[in-house]
Protein backbone atom coordinates (compact mmCIF):
# COMPACT_ATOMS: atom_id res chain seq x y z
CA UNK A 1 162.15 -149.19 175.04
CA UNK A 2 161.33 -148.87 171.38
CA UNK A 3 163.11 -145.71 171.04
CA UNK A 4 166.01 -147.40 172.56
CA UNK A 5 165.76 -150.32 170.19
CA UNK A 6 165.62 -147.74 167.10
CA UNK A 7 168.61 -146.04 168.47
CA UNK A 8 170.64 -149.27 168.87
CA UNK A 9 169.71 -150.41 165.37
CA UNK A 10 170.68 -146.98 163.79
CA UNK A 11 174.04 -147.08 165.64
CA UNK A 12 174.64 -150.70 164.44
CA UNK A 13 173.75 -150.22 161.07
CA UNK A 14 175.62 -146.96 160.70
CA UNK A 15 178.75 -148.80 162.08
CA UNK A 16 178.27 -151.80 159.87
CA UNK A 17 177.88 -149.25 156.69
CA UNK A 18 180.80 -147.40 157.56
CA UNK A 19 183.09 -150.49 157.65
CA UNK A 20 181.80 -151.69 154.51
CA UNK A 21 182.62 -148.34 152.78
CA UNK A 22 186.31 -148.51 154.12
CA UNK A 23 189.04 -148.61 151.34
CA UNK A 24 190.41 -151.98 152.16
CA UNK A 25 193.93 -152.78 151.30
CA UNK A 26 194.74 -156.39 152.25
CA UNK A 27 197.83 -157.40 150.61
CA UNK A 28 198.49 -153.86 149.54
CA UNK A 29 199.29 -152.01 152.73
CA UNK A 30 201.94 -153.28 155.07
CA UNK A 31 201.77 -153.33 159.12
CA UNK A 32 203.99 -150.32 158.95
CA UNK A 33 201.86 -148.39 156.66
CA UNK A 34 203.63 -148.67 153.53
CA UNK A 35 201.28 -148.97 150.70
CA UNK A 36 202.71 -151.36 147.77
CA UNK A 37 202.27 -151.00 144.10
CA UNK A 38 201.17 -154.58 143.63
CA UNK A 39 199.60 -156.74 146.09
CA UNK A 40 202.06 -158.79 148.15
CA UNK A 41 205.04 -156.85 146.16
CA UNK A 42 208.06 -155.35 147.23
CA UNK A 43 207.78 -152.04 145.63
CA UNK A 44 206.33 -148.65 146.81
CA UNK A 45 205.73 -145.96 144.44
CA UNK A 46 204.51 -142.97 146.21
CA UNK A 47 202.73 -141.63 143.46
CA UNK A 48 200.28 -144.53 142.94
CA UNK A 49 199.71 -145.10 146.44
CA UNK A 50 198.47 -141.48 146.91
CA UNK A 51 196.57 -141.55 143.61
CA UNK A 52 194.72 -144.51 144.95
CA UNK A 53 193.61 -143.07 148.17
CA UNK A 54 192.31 -139.69 146.60
CA UNK A 55 190.66 -141.64 143.81
CA UNK A 56 189.09 -144.01 146.37
CA UNK A 57 187.78 -140.96 148.47
CA UNK A 58 186.46 -139.39 145.22
CA UNK A 59 184.38 -142.68 144.69
CA UNK A 60 182.86 -142.63 148.12
CA UNK A 61 185.19 -144.78 150.15
CA UNK A 62 186.49 -143.81 153.64
CA UNK A 63 190.20 -143.64 153.57
CA UNK A 64 191.11 -142.19 156.76
CA UNK A 65 192.74 -145.02 158.39
CA UNK A 66 194.61 -146.36 155.35
CA UNK A 67 195.66 -142.51 154.65
CA UNK A 68 196.73 -141.79 158.28
CA UNK A 69 199.04 -145.16 158.31
CA UNK A 70 200.41 -144.20 154.91
CA UNK A 71 201.41 -140.49 155.74
CA UNK A 72 203.10 -141.90 159.07
CA UNK A 73 205.19 -143.93 156.93
CA UNK A 74 205.86 -141.49 154.15
CA UNK A 75 206.67 -138.40 155.89
CA UNK A 76 209.90 -139.43 157.65
CA UNK A 77 211.15 -140.73 154.27
CA UNK A 78 210.86 -137.55 152.36
CA UNK A 79 213.83 -136.25 151.15
CA UNK A 80 215.62 -133.00 152.21
CA UNK A 81 214.76 -131.20 148.80
CA UNK A 82 211.17 -132.31 149.12
CA UNK A 83 210.82 -134.95 146.88
CA UNK A 84 209.53 -138.55 147.34
CA UNK A 85 211.44 -141.21 145.84
CA UNK A 86 210.27 -145.01 145.00
CA UNK A 87 211.23 -147.72 147.55
CA UNK A 88 212.25 -151.30 147.28
CA UNK A 89 211.76 -154.00 150.43
CA UNK A 90 214.99 -155.89 151.08
CA UNK A 91 215.02 -159.36 152.04
CA UNK A 92 215.53 -158.50 155.78
CA UNK A 93 212.33 -156.45 155.58
CA UNK A 94 213.69 -152.90 155.55
CA UNK A 95 213.07 -150.52 152.78
CA UNK A 96 215.91 -148.92 150.75
CA UNK A 97 215.59 -146.00 148.15
CA UNK A 98 215.19 -147.61 144.93
CA UNK A 99 214.76 -144.77 142.18
CA UNK A 100 213.85 -141.20 142.11
CA UNK A 101 210.10 -140.23 141.66
CA UNK A 102 209.09 -140.91 138.11
CA UNK A 103 207.83 -137.46 138.14
CA UNK A 104 208.51 -135.02 140.95
CA UNK A 105 205.95 -132.37 139.91
CA UNK A 106 202.88 -134.89 140.10
CA UNK A 107 204.13 -136.81 143.20
CA UNK A 108 204.57 -133.63 145.13
CA UNK A 109 201.20 -132.61 143.76
CA UNK A 110 199.52 -135.57 145.05
CA UNK A 111 201.05 -135.00 148.53
CA UNK A 112 199.94 -131.68 148.62
CA UNK A 113 196.33 -132.71 147.82
CA UNK A 114 196.19 -135.67 150.20
CA UNK A 115 197.11 -133.57 153.12
CA UNK A 116 195.03 -130.82 152.16
CA UNK A 117 191.98 -132.91 151.78
CA UNK A 118 192.66 -135.20 154.81
CA UNK A 119 192.95 -132.26 157.17
CA UNK A 120 190.50 -129.93 155.54
CA UNK A 121 188.52 -129.56 158.81
CA UNK A 122 190.99 -130.45 161.52
CA UNK A 123 194.31 -129.38 162.56
CA UNK A 124 197.46 -130.86 160.81
CA UNK A 125 200.09 -132.36 163.22
CA UNK A 126 203.35 -130.20 163.04
CA UNK A 127 205.48 -132.83 161.27
CA UNK A 128 202.98 -132.89 158.40
CA UNK A 129 202.65 -129.21 158.31
CA UNK A 130 206.65 -129.35 157.88
CA UNK A 131 206.38 -131.78 155.02
CA UNK A 132 203.93 -130.04 153.32
CA UNK A 133 205.78 -126.63 153.55
CA UNK A 134 209.01 -128.67 151.90
CA UNK A 135 206.67 -130.15 149.37
CA UNK A 136 205.29 -126.74 148.25
CA UNK A 137 208.89 -125.14 148.30
CA UNK A 138 210.00 -128.12 145.94
CA UNK A 139 206.96 -127.62 143.72
CA UNK A 140 207.34 -123.91 143.15
CA UNK A 141 210.91 -124.44 142.03
CA UNK A 142 209.66 -126.57 139.12
CA UNK A 143 207.55 -123.95 137.54
CA UNK A 144 208.58 -122.50 134.56
CA UNK A 145 208.58 -118.62 134.63
CA UNK A 146 207.87 -117.95 131.13
CA UNK A 147 205.19 -120.44 130.45
CA UNK A 148 203.62 -120.90 133.82
CA UNK A 149 203.53 -124.75 133.45
CA UNK A 150 205.51 -127.30 135.84
CA UNK A 151 208.61 -129.32 134.70
CA UNK A 152 208.40 -132.96 135.81
CA UNK A 153 211.85 -132.60 137.30
CA UNK A 154 214.35 -130.29 138.31
CA UNK A 155 216.25 -129.15 135.15
CA UNK A 156 214.26 -131.26 132.73
CA UNK A 157 212.61 -128.19 130.77
CA UNK A 158 209.68 -130.33 129.99
CA UNK A 159 206.33 -130.25 131.38
CA UNK A 160 203.41 -132.89 130.85
CA UNK A 161 199.79 -132.33 130.47
CA UNK A 162 198.64 -135.12 132.94
CA UNK A 163 201.36 -134.08 135.64
CA UNK A 164 200.04 -130.23 135.16
CA UNK A 165 196.60 -131.33 135.51
CA UNK A 166 197.47 -132.69 139.05
CA UNK A 167 199.51 -129.92 139.98
CA UNK A 168 196.23 -127.49 139.14
CA UNK A 169 194.09 -129.85 141.25
CA UNK A 170 196.82 -129.79 144.24
CA UNK A 171 197.03 -125.94 144.04
CA UNK A 172 193.12 -125.75 144.21
CA UNK A 173 192.96 -128.17 147.14
CA UNK A 174 195.46 -126.17 148.94
CA UNK A 175 193.71 -122.79 148.35
CA UNK A 176 190.37 -124.42 149.55
CA UNK A 177 192.14 -125.46 152.71
CA UNK A 178 194.16 -122.25 153.57
CA UNK A 179 193.01 -119.65 151.17
CA UNK A 180 196.44 -118.84 150.37
CA UNK A 181 198.32 -119.45 147.06
CA UNK A 182 195.03 -119.07 145.14
CA UNK A 183 196.50 -116.79 142.64
CA UNK A 184 198.67 -119.65 141.51
CA UNK A 185 195.71 -121.77 140.34
CA UNK A 186 194.46 -118.87 138.24
CA UNK A 187 197.75 -118.79 136.79
CA UNK A 188 197.80 -122.28 136.01
CA UNK A 189 194.46 -122.58 134.79
CA UNK A 190 195.53 -119.75 132.17
CA UNK A 191 198.72 -121.27 131.32
CA UNK A 192 197.48 -124.85 130.55
CA UNK A 193 195.63 -124.17 127.25
CA UNK A 194 198.40 -121.96 125.89
CA UNK A 195 201.00 -124.62 126.71
CA UNK A 196 198.99 -127.76 125.73
CA UNK A 197 196.16 -127.14 123.61
CA UNK A 198 196.46 -127.46 119.78
CA UNK A 199 193.44 -125.70 118.50
CA UNK A 200 194.26 -126.65 114.75
CA UNK A 201 193.69 -130.34 115.66
CA UNK A 202 191.33 -129.65 118.58
CA UNK A 203 193.47 -131.82 120.90
CA UNK A 204 195.36 -131.78 123.98
CA UNK A 205 199.25 -132.15 123.55
CA UNK A 206 200.65 -134.50 125.88
CA UNK A 207 203.61 -132.60 126.55
CA UNK A 208 205.11 -129.03 126.52
CA UNK A 209 207.45 -130.22 123.25
CA UNK A 210 206.97 -132.51 120.50
CA UNK A 211 207.67 -136.22 121.54
CA UNK A 212 207.65 -139.41 119.55
CA UNK A 213 204.04 -140.86 118.84
CA UNK A 214 203.00 -143.37 121.39
CA UNK A 215 200.02 -145.92 121.72
CA UNK A 216 196.78 -145.44 124.09
CA UNK A 217 198.73 -143.88 126.89
CA UNK A 218 199.30 -140.88 127.04
CA UNK A 219 197.74 -139.81 123.80
CA UNK A 220 194.30 -141.05 123.96
CA UNK A 221 194.13 -141.22 127.85
CA UNK A 222 195.42 -137.61 128.14
CA UNK A 223 192.54 -136.01 126.41
CA UNK A 224 190.33 -136.58 129.32
CA UNK A 225 192.52 -135.54 132.21
CA UNK A 226 191.61 -131.85 132.03
CA UNK A 227 188.01 -132.11 132.50
CA UNK A 228 188.14 -134.70 134.96
CA UNK A 229 189.53 -132.09 137.26
CA UNK A 230 186.81 -129.71 136.45
CA UNK A 231 188.83 -127.48 133.81
CA UNK A 232 186.39 -126.14 131.18
CA UNK A 233 186.42 -128.04 127.78
CA UNK A 234 188.02 -126.25 125.10
CA UNK A 235 186.20 -125.07 121.95
CA UNK A 236 186.04 -128.04 119.47
CA UNK A 237 187.36 -130.46 121.97
CA UNK A 238 185.95 -133.93 121.65
CA UNK A 239 182.94 -135.01 123.87
CA UNK A 240 183.30 -138.16 126.18
CA UNK A 241 180.93 -140.04 123.91
CA UNK A 242 183.10 -139.14 120.77
CA UNK A 243 186.14 -140.28 122.59
CA UNK A 244 184.59 -143.57 123.75
CA UNK A 245 183.49 -144.39 120.02
CA UNK A 246 186.85 -143.44 118.75
CA UNK A 247 190.29 -143.68 120.33
CA UNK A 248 188.75 -144.90 123.43
CA UNK A 249 187.57 -148.38 122.08
CA UNK A 250 190.35 -150.33 123.27
CA UNK A 251 189.73 -149.07 126.88
CA UNK A 252 186.10 -150.08 126.79
CA UNK A 253 187.01 -153.57 125.21
CA UNK A 254 190.11 -153.73 127.58
CA UNK A 255 192.06 -155.20 124.77
CA UNK A 256 195.41 -155.97 126.26
CA UNK A 257 197.39 -156.12 122.98
CA UNK A 258 196.48 -152.24 122.71
CA UNK A 259 196.42 -151.51 126.32
CA UNK A 260 199.11 -151.82 128.79
CA UNK A 261 197.07 -151.52 131.88
CA UNK A 262 193.12 -151.66 132.69
CA UNK A 263 193.23 -147.78 133.13
CA UNK A 264 190.35 -147.64 135.50
CA UNK A 265 191.09 -144.12 136.28
CA UNK A 266 189.27 -143.17 132.90
CA UNK A 267 186.23 -144.53 134.39
CA UNK A 268 185.78 -141.31 136.49
CA UNK A 269 185.62 -139.25 133.09
CA UNK A 270 182.85 -141.58 132.14
CA UNK A 271 181.03 -140.79 135.58
CA UNK A 272 181.51 -137.09 135.25
CA UNK A 273 179.84 -137.29 131.69
CA UNK A 274 176.83 -139.21 133.20
CA UNK A 275 178.12 -142.57 131.36
CA UNK A 276 177.37 -144.87 134.21
CA UNK A 277 177.06 -147.63 131.57
CA UNK A 278 180.59 -147.39 130.47
CA UNK A 279 182.05 -147.28 133.94
CA UNK A 280 180.08 -150.38 134.67
CA UNK A 281 181.13 -151.95 131.25
CA UNK A 282 184.89 -151.27 132.51
CA UNK A 283 184.19 -152.60 136.08
CA UNK A 284 183.05 -155.92 134.22
CA UNK A 285 185.56 -156.00 131.76
CA UNK A 286 188.72 -155.31 133.78
CA UNK A 287 187.72 -157.78 136.52
CA UNK A 288 189.81 -160.72 134.97
CA UNK A 289 192.83 -158.66 135.42
CA UNK A 290 192.57 -158.30 139.05
CA UNK A 291 195.43 -159.80 140.78
CA UNK A 292 197.43 -160.14 137.48
CA UNK A 293 200.70 -158.38 137.04
CA UNK A 294 198.52 -155.78 134.86
CA UNK A 295 196.81 -154.67 138.09
CA UNK A 296 198.02 -152.22 140.66
CA UNK A 297 196.82 -150.39 143.91
CA UNK A 298 195.18 -147.65 141.71
CA UNK A 299 193.34 -150.10 139.61
CA UNK A 300 192.11 -151.56 143.11
CA UNK A 301 190.90 -148.47 144.20
CA UNK A 302 188.92 -147.61 141.12
CA UNK A 303 187.43 -151.15 141.35
CA UNK A 304 186.41 -150.77 145.07
CA UNK A 305 184.88 -147.63 144.49
CA UNK A 306 183.04 -148.20 141.27
CA UNK A 307 181.61 -151.65 142.97
CA UNK A 308 180.53 -149.51 145.83
CA UNK A 309 178.90 -146.67 143.82
CA UNK A 310 177.22 -148.70 141.04
CA UNK A 311 175.96 -151.48 143.48
CA UNK A 312 172.51 -149.68 144.18
CA UNK A 313 171.88 -148.74 140.69
CA UNK A 314 170.16 -150.32 137.69
CA UNK A 315 172.79 -151.53 134.85
CA UNK A 316 171.90 -149.69 131.75
CA UNK A 317 173.25 -151.51 128.38
CA UNK A 318 171.53 -149.76 125.75
CA UNK A 319 173.99 -146.63 125.08
CA UNK A 320 177.10 -149.03 124.70
CA UNK A 321 175.26 -150.86 121.89
CA UNK A 322 174.29 -147.49 119.92
């Protein structure tokens, strides 16, 4: 009797814990599976939906139900050239194509990563296999033969650091799942420093050619992205601590005049560097923006994931005051 009771308690607790750890998307995911950019909004940007799912998974949330509904919604809307545009819901409830992807390379990369991770240990449905193949072909066409980096769109002749970092992660995910295409991972890892690293300033360039100076994004944010996907730091590259004490101050303070969005994604860089205190500070400082126009589904994924991950740990405050 006692053994049966213990087994029942284990099963109940396990089910309850699994439910508690689900990535919950009320207001963000429609019944048809579409994931909205903002809660109760009318727009779908596949990049943000997929980045949110992948980030939630990285932070320990279960994304399977949300991801399966999303892929079932998005795959039939993939265009013949492999790309994924942005969508808007019309007054009658139907979806219409609203615009091209903001960046084809990163959007294709996230689709490849999402399918590779979701189906790592099981068979991928034939429709998704076909979609993945189209995405691969579309991505390969964006590669610059000479530099080895990827253009953000066909004919653009311009590559972005943050996009190429996401392409690198996608190639690695694809390689891990299938064992194929691994040479492309090594090629891009070698191409990234040549195209984007400035040894003189010891900083990452945000684009493959000079662009006008900008504010926090992408200049300051971009410095953290290569390390966030596991690329080794470059000689003389500033540590996360140095970044946080310098150009990262607006992010930590969540100062809206200097910061367009909360940029919760950078909390992952804090966790990678053992700066749980900084991630916790972001969670606290960004909370008032939740539900405002500054908040989107990616911020929601970081918020939920960090809340789960940090719930069981003590809160260190000292380092932020140093």
